[in-house]
């Protein structure tokens, strides 16, 4: 990466740091805690696995809001800034986690066993954000024993998010909203709405036949990742329309008051002319 790109990444990281949301991090903590509790014991929190769905909604909102918050003059500006932030945020922790997990896993699982071999394959795929595709390819049941024995099962959700990172910025640019085109927001809303409905329908209709595949794949999770931003766009549009109505109502009210004042002034003038005196009773005749 050249110097200008490095400086740009540093600037983007600085801007991002000023937009920290403690409330969102709190919701993330709740979602992660629910998943951990479920894996610790199914009876402790039977529905804890839904924390993953909650996490998708939160992460999708954060990414979409971050990207759409400011205009982008070029597709390079959009993608370079975004991926610099993602790589700096995710790559170091991911690589350290993979190395430590591999080392600790070798202490408890025989390196020549099939379970350890499967885990290493999943770990390799997770480096490139593809572990969810690996699990889908293996038709691994998330709720089955083999999945619980895989050391890198937790990376599948990160794979889904990283694939969403490829789709949403492109969608943002194609719709024209990234460069603030006049109808960009509406095109983005329409595209997100259509793809979300398609994604949900795909999951509902085909989950009984291909549950293991659809559970791990990004297209069937797209609606979760984008639903919060769809709601954000709706609320933002409603807020803008209300603001316009308030401006129009205020303008109309001012014009009405001015018109009433003019009518009263005209009436006073007419009375003064008829009586030959002004408003103070002074004689108007020369």
C-alpha atoms as a PDB file:
ATOM      1  CA  UNK A   1       0.000   0.000   0.000  1.00  0.00           C
ATOM      2  CA  UNK A   2       1.462   3.402  -0.968  1.00  0.00           C
ATOM      3  CA  UNK A   3       1.871   6.352   1.373  1.00  0.00           C
ATOM      4  CA  UNK A   4      -1.263   8.174   0.254  1.00  0.00           C
ATOM      5  CA  UNK A   5      -3.380   5.068   0.772  1.00  0.00           C
ATOM      6  CA  UNK A   6      -1.877   4.549   4.229  1.00  0.00           C
ATOM      7  CA  UNK A   7      -2.596   8.155   5.201  1.00  0.00           C
ATOM      8  CA  UNK A   8      -6.130   7.810   3.895  1.00  0.00           C
ATOM      9  CA  UNK A   9      -6.669   4.659   5.970  1.00  0.00           C
ATOM     10  CA  UNK A  10      -5.353   6.413   9.068  1.00  0.00           C
ATOM     11  CA  UNK A  11      -7.729   9.332   8.476  1.00  0.00           C
ATOM     12  CA  UNK A  12     -10.685   6.989   8.035  1.00  0.00           C
ATOM     13  CA  UNK A  13      -9.792   5.146  11.237  1.00  0.00           C
ATOM     14  CA  UNK A  14      -9.668   8.454  13.113  1.00  0.00           C
ATOM     15  CA  UNK A  15     -13.058   9.516  11.778  1.00  0.00           C
ATOM     16  CA  UNK A  16     -14.533   6.147  12.679  1.00  0.00           C
ATOM     17  CA  UNK A  17     -13.220   6.325  16.240  1.00  0.00           C
ATOM     18  CA  UNK A  18     -15.218   9.511  16.885  1.00  0.00           C
ATOM     19  CA  UNK A  19     -18.457   7.717  16.059  1.00  0.00           C
ATOM     20  CA  UNK A  20     -18.273   5.075  18.781  1.00  0.00           C
ATOM     21  CA  UNK A  21     -21.662   3.935  20.085  1.00  0.00           C
ATOM     22  CA  UNK A  22     -21.611   2.398  23.553  1.00  0.00           C
ATOM     23  CA  UNK A  23     -25.276   1.406  23.290  1.00  0.00           C
ATOM     24  CA  UNK A  24     -24.596  -0.672  20.181  1.00  0.00           C
ATOM     25  CA  UNK A  25     -21.618  -2.347  21.843  1.00  0.00           C
ATOM     26  CA  UNK A  26     -23.919  -3.155  24.754  1.00  0.00           C
ATOM     27  CA  UNK A  27     -26.387  -4.864  22.429  1.00  0.00           C
ATOM     28  CA  UNK A  28     -23.519  -6.800  20.862  1.00  0.00           C
ATOM     29  CA  UNK A  29     -22.447  -7.966  24.311  1.00  0.00           C
ATOM     30  CA  UNK A  30     -25.994  -9.213  25.009  1.00  0.00           C
ATOM     31  CA  UNK A  31     -26.062 -11.107  21.694  1.00  0.00           C
ATOM     32  CA  UNK A  32     -22.654 -12.715  22.237  1.00  0.00           C
ATOM     33  CA  UNK A  33     -23.464 -13.622  25.842  1.00  0.00           C
ATOM     34  CA  UNK A  34     -26.627 -15.383  24.692  1.00  0.00           C
ATOM     35  CA  UNK A  35     -24.678 -17.492  22.191  1.00  0.00           C
ATOM     36  CA  UNK A  36     -21.984 -18.364  24.748  1.00  0.00           C
ATOM     37  CA  UNK A  37     -24.621 -19.380  27.284  1.00  0.00           C
ATOM     38  CA  UNK A  38     -26.318 -21.614  24.704  1.00  0.00           C
ATOM     39  CA  UNK A  39     -23.088 -23.400  23.807  1.00  0.00           C
ATOM     40  CA  UNK A  40     -22.150 -23.767  27.458  1.00  0.00           C
ATOM     41  CA  UNK A  41     -25.427 -25.576  28.122  1.00  0.00           C
ATOM     42  CA  UNK A  42     -28.511 -25.953  25.936  1.00  0.00           C
ATOM     43  CA  UNK A  43     -30.705 -25.939  29.034  1.00  0.00           C
ATOM     44  CA  UNK A  44     -29.193 -22.732  30.395  1.00  0.00           C
ATOM     45  CA  UNK A  45     -30.589 -20.611  27.548  1.00  0.00           C
ATOM     46  CA  UNK A  46     -32.382 -22.779  24.953  1.00  0.00           C
ATOM     47  CA  UNK A  47     -32.937 -19.906  22.524  1.00  0.00           C
ATOM     48  CA  UNK A  48     -29.498 -18.399  22.978  1.00  0.00           C
ATOM     49  CA  UNK A  49     -28.438 -19.288  19.441  1.00  0.00           C
ATOM     50  CA  UNK A  50     -30.726 -16.470  18.267  1.00  0.00           C
ATOM     51  CA  UNK A  51     -28.025 -14.138  19.516  1.00  0.00           C
ATOM     52  CA  UNK A  52     -26.350 -14.744  16.155  1.00  0.00           C
ATOM     53  CA  UNK A  53     -29.408 -13.350  14.364  1.00  0.00           C
ATOM     54  CA  UNK A  54     -29.428 -10.382  16.718  1.00  0.00           C
ATOM     55  CA  UNK A  55     -25.747  -9.813  16.003  1.00  0.00           C
ATOM     56  CA  UNK A  56     -26.374  -9.848  12.248  1.00  0.00           C
ATOM     57  CA  UNK A  57     -29.047  -7.158  12.574  1.00  0.00           C
ATOM     58  CA  UNK A  58     -26.749  -4.970  14.678  1.00  0.00           C
ATOM     59  CA  UNK A  59     -23.674  -5.426  12.489  1.00  0.00           C
ATOM     60  CA  UNK A  60     -25.624  -4.858   9.288  1.00  0.00           C
ATOM     61  CA  UNK A  61     -26.982  -1.611  10.686  1.00  0.00           C
ATOM     62  CA  UNK A  62     -23.558  -0.415  11.836  1.00  0.00           C
ATOM     63  CA  UNK A  63     -21.895  -1.144   8.493  1.00  0.00           C
ATOM     64  CA  UNK A  64     -24.712   0.282   6.376  1.00  0.00           C
ATOM     65  CA  UNK A  65     -25.030   3.421   8.503  1.00  0.00           C
ATOM     66  CA  UNK A  66     -21.258   3.941   8.523  1.00  0.00           C
ATOM     67  CA  UNK A  67     -21.012   3.704   4.747  1.00  0.00           C
ATOM     68  CA  UNK A  68     -24.043   5.848   3.971  1.00  0.00           C
ATOM     69  CA  UNK A  69     -23.308   8.548   6.547  1.00  0.00           C
ATOM     70  CA  UNK A  70     -21.079  10.584   4.234  1.00  0.00           C
ATOM     71  CA  UNK A  71     -20.930  11.007   0.433  1.00  0.00           C
ATOM     72  CA  UNK A  72     -18.181   9.365  -1.626  1.00  0.00           C
ATOM     73  CA  UNK A  73     -16.766  11.054  -4.700  1.00  0.00           C
ATOM     74  CA  UNK A  74     -15.546   7.848  -6.348  1.00  0.00           C
ATOM     75  CA  UNK A  75     -15.870   4.101  -6.041  1.00  0.00           C
ATOM     76  CA  UNK A  76     -12.208   3.998  -4.967  1.00  0.00           C
ATOM     77  CA  UNK A  77     -12.945   6.397  -2.147  1.00  0.00           C
ATOM     78  CA  UNK A  78     -15.870   4.226  -1.029  1.00  0.00           C
ATOM     79  CA  UNK A  79     -14.138   0.848  -1.103  1.00  0.00           C
ATOM     80  CA  UNK A  80     -10.639   1.886  -0.007  1.00  0.00           C
ATOM     81  CA  UNK A  81     -11.773   3.695   3.117  1.00  0.00           C
ATOM     82  CA  UNK A  82     -14.194   0.953   4.087  1.00  0.00           C
ATOM     83  CA  UNK A  83     -11.846  -1.984   3.608  1.00  0.00           C
ATOM     84  CA  UNK A  84      -8.988  -0.203   5.382  1.00  0.00           C
ATOM     85  CA  UNK A  85     -11.186   0.115   8.459  1.00  0.00           C
ATOM     86  CA  UNK A  86     -12.402  -3.480   8.249  1.00  0.00           C
ATOM     87  CA  UNK A  87      -8.926  -4.980   7.810  1.00  0.00           C
ATOM     88  CA  UNK A  88      -7.436  -2.951  10.646  1.00  0.00           C
ATOM     89  CA  UNK A  89     -10.312  -3.873  12.923  1.00  0.00           C
ATOM     90  CA  UNK A  90     -10.649  -7.595  12.137  1.00  0.00           C
ATOM     91  CA  UNK A  91      -7.415  -9.038  10.755  1.00  0.00           C
ATOM     92  CA  UNK A  92      -5.110  -8.768  13.809  1.00  0.00           C
ATOM     93  CA  UNK A  93      -7.617 -10.260  16.261  1.00  0.00           C
ATOM     94  CA  UNK A  94      -8.629 -12.975  13.789  1.00  0.00           C
ATOM     95  CA  UNK A  95      -5.069 -14.116  13.088  1.00  0.00           C
ATOM     96  CA  UNK A  96      -4.131 -14.162  16.781  1.00  0.00           C
ATOM     97  CA  UNK A  97      -7.296 -16.120  17.573  1.00  0.00           C
ATOM     98  CA  UNK A  98      -6.584 -18.701  14.861  1.00  0.00           C
ATOM     99  CA  UNK A  99      -2.983 -19.264  15.982  1.00  0.00           C
ATOM    100  CA  UNK A 100      -3.877 -19.621  19.666  1.00  0.00           C
ATOM    101  CA  UNK A 101      -6.821 -21.910  18.899  1.00  0.00           C
ATOM    102  CA  UNK A 102      -4.648 -24.177  16.757  1.00  0.00           C
ATOM    103  CA  UNK A 103      -2.021 -24.462  19.488  1.00  0.00           C
ATOM    104  CA  UNK A 104      -4.479 -25.086  22.296  1.00  0.00           C
ATOM    105  CA  UNK A 105      -6.502 -27.467  20.135  1.00  0.00           C
ATOM    106  CA  UNK A 106      -3.441 -29.661  19.608  1.00  0.00           C
ATOM    107  CA  UNK A 107      -3.213 -30.133  23.379  1.00  0.00           C
ATOM    108  CA  UNK A 108      -6.707 -31.597  23.661  1.00  0.00           C
ATOM    109  CA  UNK A 109      -7.355 -33.132  20.235  1.00  0.00           C
ATOM    110  CA  UNK A 110      -4.950 -35.565  18.586  1.00  0.00           C
ATOM    111  CA  UNK A 111      -3.379 -33.764  15.589  1.00  0.00           C
ATOM    112  CA  UNK A 112      -3.871 -36.867  13.438  1.00  0.00           C
ATOM    113  CA  UNK A 113      -7.582 -37.152  14.187  1.00  0.00           C
ATOM    114  CA  UNK A 114     -10.319 -36.250  11.757  1.00  0.00           C
ATOM    115  CA  UNK A 115     -11.801 -33.667  14.113  1.00  0.00           C
ATOM    116  CA  UNK A 116      -8.523 -31.742  14.290  1.00  0.00           C
ATOM    117  CA  UNK A 117      -8.049 -31.956  10.527  1.00  0.00           C
ATOM    118  CA  UNK A 118     -11.559 -30.614   9.908  1.00  0.00           C
ATOM    119  CA  UNK A 119     -10.921 -27.797  12.354  1.00  0.00           C
ATOM    120  CA  UNK A 120      -7.699 -26.816  10.595  1.00  0.00           C
ATOM    121  CA  UNK A 121      -9.486 -26.688   7.256  1.00  0.00           C
ATOM    122  CA  UNK A 122     -12.170 -24.465   8.737  1.00  0.00           C
ATOM    123  CA  UNK A 123      -9.489 -22.241  10.273  1.00  0.00           C
ATOM    124  CA  UNK A 124      -7.775 -21.862   6.904  1.00  0.00           C
ATOM    125  CA  UNK A 125     -11.039 -20.910   5.227  1.00  0.00           C
ATOM    126  CA  UNK A 126     -11.808 -18.443   8.024  1.00  0.00           C
ATOM    127  CA  UNK A 127      -8.677 -16.402   7.199  1.00  0.00           C
ATOM    128  CA  UNK A 128     -10.295 -15.499   3.876  1.00  0.00           C
ATOM    129  CA  UNK A 129     -13.806 -15.088   5.298  1.00  0.00           C
ATOM    130  CA  UNK A 130     -15.039 -18.328   3.750  1.00  0.00           C
ATOM    131  CA  UNK A 131     -15.536 -20.677   6.695  1.00  0.00           C
ATOM    132  CA  UNK A 132     -19.320 -20.456   6.352  1.00  0.00           C
ATOM    133  CA  UNK A 133     -19.018 -21.724   2.787  1.00  0.00           C
ATOM    134  CA  UNK A 134     -16.816 -24.575   4.015  1.00  0.00           C
ATOM    135  CA  UNK A 135     -19.426 -25.598   6.600  1.00  0.00           C
ATOM    136  CA  UNK A 136     -22.224 -25.321   4.031  1.00  0.00           C
ATOM    137  CA  UNK A 137     -20.219 -27.436   1.585  1.00  0.00           C
ATOM    138  CA  UNK A 138     -19.759 -30.078   4.274  1.00  0.00           C
ATOM    139  CA  UNK A 139     -23.497 -29.868   5.064  1.00  0.00           C
ATOM    140  CA  UNK A 140     -22.573 -29.502   8.707  1.00  0.00           C
ATOM    141  CA  UNK A 141     -25.480 -29.281  11.139  1.00  0.00           C
ATOM    142  CA  UNK A 142     -24.914 -26.275  13.390  1.00  0.00           C
ATOM    143  CA  UNK A 143     -26.854 -27.987  16.164  1.00  0.00           C
ATOM    144  CA  UNK A 144     -25.137 -31.376  15.763  1.00  0.00           C
ATOM    145  CA  UNK A 145     -22.193 -32.859  17.655  1.00  0.00           C
ATOM    146  CA  UNK A 146     -19.608 -32.515  14.819  1.00  0.00           C
ATOM    147  CA  UNK A 147     -20.238 -28.773  14.735  1.00  0.00           C
ATOM    148  CA  UNK A 148     -19.691 -28.470  18.477  1.00  0.00           C
ATOM    149  CA  UNK A 149     -16.342 -30.246  18.126  1.00  0.00           C
ATOM    150  CA  UNK A 150     -15.051 -27.958  15.383  1.00  0.00           C
ATOM    151  CA  UNK A 151     -12.662 -25.408  16.852  1.00  0.00           C
ATOM    152  CA  UNK A 152     -13.599 -22.728  14.326  1.00  0.00           C
ATOM    153  CA  UNK A 153     -17.352 -23.104  14.169  1.00  0.00           C
ATOM    154  CA  UNK A 154     -17.710 -19.616  15.629  1.00  0.00           C
ATOM    155  CA  UNK A 155     -16.077 -18.052  12.544  1.00  0.00           C
ATOM    156  CA  UNK A 156     -18.976 -18.846  10.207  1.00  0.00           C
ATOM    157  CA  UNK A 157     -20.874 -15.693  11.177  1.00  0.00           C
ATOM    158  CA  UNK A 158     -17.782 -13.582  10.467  1.00  0.00           C
ATOM    159  CA  UNK A 159     -17.672 -15.146   7.004  1.00  0.00           C
ATOM    160  CA  UNK A 160     -21.288 -14.109   6.392  1.00  0.00           C
ATOM    161  CA  UNK A 161     -20.498 -10.541   7.446  1.00  0.00           C
ATOM    162  CA  UNK A 162     -17.372 -10.313   5.303  1.00  0.00           C
ATOM    163  CA  UNK A 163     -19.330 -11.420   2.248  1.00  0.00           C
ATOM    164  CA  UNK A 164     -21.947  -8.796   3.059  1.00  0.00           C
ATOM    165  CA  UNK A 165     -19.069  -6.289   3.075  1.00  0.00           C
ATOM    166  CA  UNK A 166     -18.613  -7.043  -0.612  1.00  0.00           C
ATOM    167  CA  UNK A 167     -22.267  -6.685  -1.534  1.00  0.00           C
ATOM    168  CA  UNK A 168     -23.499  -3.627   0.330  1.00  0.00           C
ATOM    169  CA  UNK A 169     -20.823  -1.115  -0.764  1.00  0.00           C
ATOM    170  CA  UNK A 170     -21.444  -2.155  -4.369  1.00  0.00           C
ATOM    171  CA  UNK A 171     -25.182  -1.748  -3.841  1.00  0.00           C
ATOM    172  CA  UNK A 172     -24.598   1.660  -2.297  1.00  0.00           C
ATOM    173  CA  UNK A 173     -22.612   2.802  -5.319  1.00  0.00           C
ATOM    174  CA  UNK A 174     -24.858   1.313  -8.009  1.00  0.00           C
ATOM    175  CA  UNK A 175     -27.958   2.899  -6.469  1.00  0.00           C
ATOM    176  CA  UNK A 176     -26.287   6.307  -6.623  1.00  0.00           C
ATOM    177  CA  UNK A 177     -26.730   6.997  -2.927  1.00  0.00           C
ATOM    178  CA  UNK A 178     -22.981   6.871  -2.232  1.00  0.00           C
ATOM    179  CA  UNK A 179     -22.455   9.887  -4.518  1.00  0.00           C
ATOM    180  CA  UNK A 180     -25.724  11.506  -3.334  1.00  0.00           C
ATOM    181  CA  UNK A 181     -27.619  11.250  -6.591  1.00  0.00           C
ATOM    182  CA  UNK A 182     -31.090  12.883  -6.389  1.00  0.00           C
ATOM    183  CA  UNK A 183     -32.997   9.576  -6.314  1.00  0.00           C
ATOM    184  CA  UNK A 184     -30.182   7.543  -4.759  1.00  0.00           C
ATOM    185  CA  UNK A 185     -31.893   7.017  -1.424  1.00  0.00           C
ATOM    186  CA  UNK A 186     -35.054   5.701  -3.055  1.00  0.00           C
ATOM    187  CA  UNK A 187     -33.145   3.386  -5.398  1.00  0.00           C
ATOM    188  CA  UNK A 188     -31.155   2.048  -2.449  1.00  0.00           C
ATOM    189  CA  UNK A 189     -34.332   1.505  -0.434  1.00  0.00           C
ATOM    190  CA  UNK A 190     -36.011  -0.282  -3.339  1.00  0.00           C
ATOM    191  CA  UNK A 191     -32.977  -2.523  -3.945  1.00  0.00           C
ATOM    192  CA  UNK A 192     -32.584  -3.367  -0.268  1.00  0.00           C
ATOM    193  CA  UNK A 193     -36.298  -4.041   0.123  1.00  0.00           C
ATOM    194  CA  UNK A 194     -36.471  -6.288  -2.924  1.00  0.00           C
ATOM    195  CA  UNK A 195     -33.339  -8.268  -2.024  1.00  0.00           C
ATOM    196  CA  UNK A 196     -34.463  -8.615   1.597  1.00  0.00           C
ATOM    197  CA  UNK A 197     -37.831 -10.053   0.599  1.00  0.00           C
ATOM    198  CA  UNK A 198     -36.095 -12.395  -1.845  1.00  0.00           C
ATOM    199  CA  UNK A 199     -33.607 -13.467   0.830  1.00  0.00           C
ATOM    200  CA  UNK A 200     -36.300 -14.185   3.415  1.00  0.00           C
ATOM    201  CA  UNK A 201     -38.414 -16.063   0.875  1.00  0.00           C
ATOM    202  CA  UNK A 202     -35.390 -18.142  -0.102  1.00  0.00           C
ATOM    203  CA  UNK A 203     -34.805 -19.144   3.509  1.00  0.00           C
ATOM    204  CA  UNK A 204     -38.460 -19.874   4.298  1.00  0.00           C
ATOM    205  CA  UNK A 205     -39.177 -21.911   1.168  1.00  0.00           C
ATOM    206  CA  UNK A 206     -35.975 -23.920   0.941  1.00  0.00           C
ATOM    207  CA  UNK A 207     -34.807 -24.287   4.544  1.00  0.00           C
ATOM    208  CA  UNK A 208     -36.534 -27.638   5.011  1.00  0.00           C
ATOM    209  CA  UNK A 209     -34.705 -29.075   2.016  1.00  0.00           C
ATOM    210  CA  UNK A 210     -31.321 -27.362   2.382  1.00  0.00           C
ATOM    211  CA  UNK A 211     -31.234 -26.238   5.995  1.00  0.00           C
ATOM    212  CA  UNK A 212     -27.504 -26.842   6.539  1.00  0.00           C
ATOM    213  CA  UNK A 213     -26.604 -24.890   3.406  1.00  0.00           C
ATOM    214  CA  UNK A 214     -28.974 -21.954   3.883  1.00  0.00           C
ATOM    215  CA  UNK A 215     -28.141 -21.614   7.568  1.00  0.00           C
ATOM    216  CA  UNK A 216     -24.534 -20.699   6.802  1.00  0.00           C
ATOM    217  CA  UNK A 217     -24.868 -18.761   3.539  1.00  0.00           C
ATOM    218  CA  UNK A 218     -24.967 -14.975   3.188  1.00  0.00           C
ATOM    219  CA  UNK A 219     -27.797 -14.713   0.597  1.00  0.00           C
ATOM    220  CA  UNK A 220     -30.286 -16.327   3.004  1.00  0.00           C
ATOM    221  CA  UNK A 221     -29.020 -14.027   5.800  1.00  0.00           C
ATOM    222  CA  UNK A 222     -29.071 -10.847   3.735  1.00  0.00           C
ATOM    223  CA  UNK A 223     -32.462  -9.769   5.061  1.00  0.00           C
ATOM    224  CA  UNK A 224     -31.188  -9.845   8.642  1.00  0.00           C
ATOM    225  CA  UNK A 225     -28.119  -7.809   7.766  1.00  0.00           C
ATOM    226  CA  UNK A 226     -30.063  -5.112   5.942  1.00  0.00           C
ATOM    227  CA  UNK A 227     -33.443  -4.913   7.718  1.00  0.00           C
ATOM    228  CA  UNK A 228     -32.291  -2.372  10.322  1.00  0.00           C
ATOM    229  CA  UNK A 229     -30.920  -0.057   7.634  1.00  0.00           C
ATOM    230  CA  UNK A 230     -34.157  -0.357   5.641  1.00  0.00           C
ATOM    231  CA  UNK A 231     -36.005   0.851   8.734  1.00  0.00           C
ATOM    232  CA  UNK A 232     -33.411   3.626   9.139  1.00  0.00           C
ATOM    233  CA  UNK A 233     -34.005   4.811   5.560  1.00  0.00           C
ATOM    234  CA  UNK A 234     -37.781   4.800   6.126  1.00  0.00           C
ATOM    235  CA  UNK A 235     -37.482   6.817   9.343  1.00  0.00           C
ATOM    236  CA  UNK A 236     -34.983   9.208   7.761  1.00  0.00           C
ATOM    237  CA  UNK A 237     -37.265   9.812   4.782  1.00  0.00           C
ATOM    238  CA  UNK A 238     -40.255  10.336   7.076  1.00  0.00           C
ATOM    239  CA  UNK A 239     -38.235  12.806   9.156  1.00  0.00           C
ATOM    240  CA  UNK A 240     -37.201  14.753   6.041  1.00  0.00           C
ATOM    241  CA  UNK A 241     -40.782  14.897   4.758  1.00  0.00           C
ATOM    242  CA  UNK A 242     -42.030  16.125   8.140  1.00  0.00           C
ATOM    243  CA  UNK A 243     -39.317  18.780   8.148  1.00  0.00           C
ATOM    244  CA  UNK A 244     -40.447  19.944   4.697  1.00  0.00           C
ATOM    245  CA  UNK A 245     -44.068  20.087   5.857  1.00  0.00           C
ATOM    246  CA  UNK A 246     -43.061  22.135   8.903  1.00  0.00           C
ATOM    247  CA  UNK A 247     -41.183  24.564   6.686  1.00  0.00           C
ATOM    248  CA  UNK A 248     -44.125  24.854   4.279  1.00  0.00           C
ATOM    249  CA  UNK A 249     -46.598  25.236   7.136  1.00  0.00           C
ATOM    250  CA  UNK A 250     -44.438  27.892   8.782  1.00  0.00           C
ATOM    251  CA  UNK A 251     -44.056  29.766   5.498  1.00  0.00           C
ATOM    252  CA  UNK A 252     -47.782  29.600   4.833  1.00  0.00           C
ATOM    253  CA  UNK A 253     -48.526  30.814   8.348  1.00  0.00           C
ATOM    254  CA  UNK A 254     -46.166  33.775   7.985  1.00  0.00           C
ATOM    255  CA  UNK A 255     -47.730  34.700   4.646  1.00  0.00           C
ATOM    256  CA  UNK A 256     -51.193  34.478   6.219  1.00  0.00           C
ATOM    257  CA  UNK A 257     -50.168  36.769   9.090  1.00  0.00           C
ATOM    258  CA  UNK A 258     -48.601  39.267   6.674  1.00  0.00           C
ATOM    259  CA  UNK A 259     -51.734  39.233   4.522  1.00  0.00           C
ATOM    260  CA  UNK A 260     -53.934  39.857   7.578  1.00  0.00           C
ATOM    261  CA  UNK A 261     -51.709  42.745   8.662  1.00  0.00           C
ATOM    262  CA  UNK A 262     -51.939  44.255   5.177  1.00  0.00           C
ATOM    263  CA  UNK A 263     -55.748  43.954   5.221  1.00  0.00           C
ATOM    264  CA  UNK A 264     -55.951  45.682   8.594  1.00  0.00           C
ATOM    265  CA  UNK A 265     -53.626  48.454   7.402  1.00  0.00           C
ATOM    266  CA  UNK A 266     -55.756  48.965   4.285  1.00  0.00           C
ATOM    267  CA  UNK A 267     -58.892  49.191   6.429  1.00  0.00           C
ATOM    268  CA  UNK A 268     -57.300  51.787   8.697  1.00  0.00           C
ATOM    269  CA  UNK A 269     -56.197  53.790   5.676  1.00  0.00           C
ATOM    270  CA  UNK A 270     -59.691  53.696   4.182  1.00  0.00           C
ATOM    271  CA  UNK A 271     -61.235  54.881   7.464  1.00  0.00           C
ATOM    272  CA  UNK A 272     -58.661  57.644   7.760  1.00  0.00           C
ATOM    273  CA  UNK A 273     -59.341  58.875   4.238  1.00  0.00           C
ATOM    274  CA  UNK A 274     -63.078  58.925   4.834  1.00  0.00           C
ATOM    275  CA  UNK A 275     -62.795  60.785   8.147  1.00  0.00           C
ATOM    276  CA  UNK A 276     -60.022  63.112   7.001  1.00  0.00           C
ATOM    277  CA  UNK A 277     -57.741  62.199   9.936  1.00  0.00           C
ATOM    278  CA  UNK A 278     -54.855  59.781  10.404  1.00  0.00           C
ATOM    279  CA  UNK A 279     -54.558  57.052  13.043  1.00  0.00           C
ATOM    280  CA  UNK A 280     -53.518  59.670  15.601  1.00  0.00           C
ATOM    281  CA  UNK A 281     -56.469  61.964  14.898  1.00  0.00           C
ATOM    282  CA  UNK A 282     -54.402  64.537  12.993  1.00  0.00           C
ATOM    283  CA  UNK A 283     -56.075  66.421  10.151  1.00  0.00           C
ATOM    284  CA  UNK A 284     -55.054  65.100   6.725  1.00  0.00           C
ATOM    285  CA  UNK A 285     -56.424  68.123   4.818  1.00  0.00           C
ATOM    286  CA  UNK A 286     -53.813  70.577   3.537  1.00  0.00           C
END
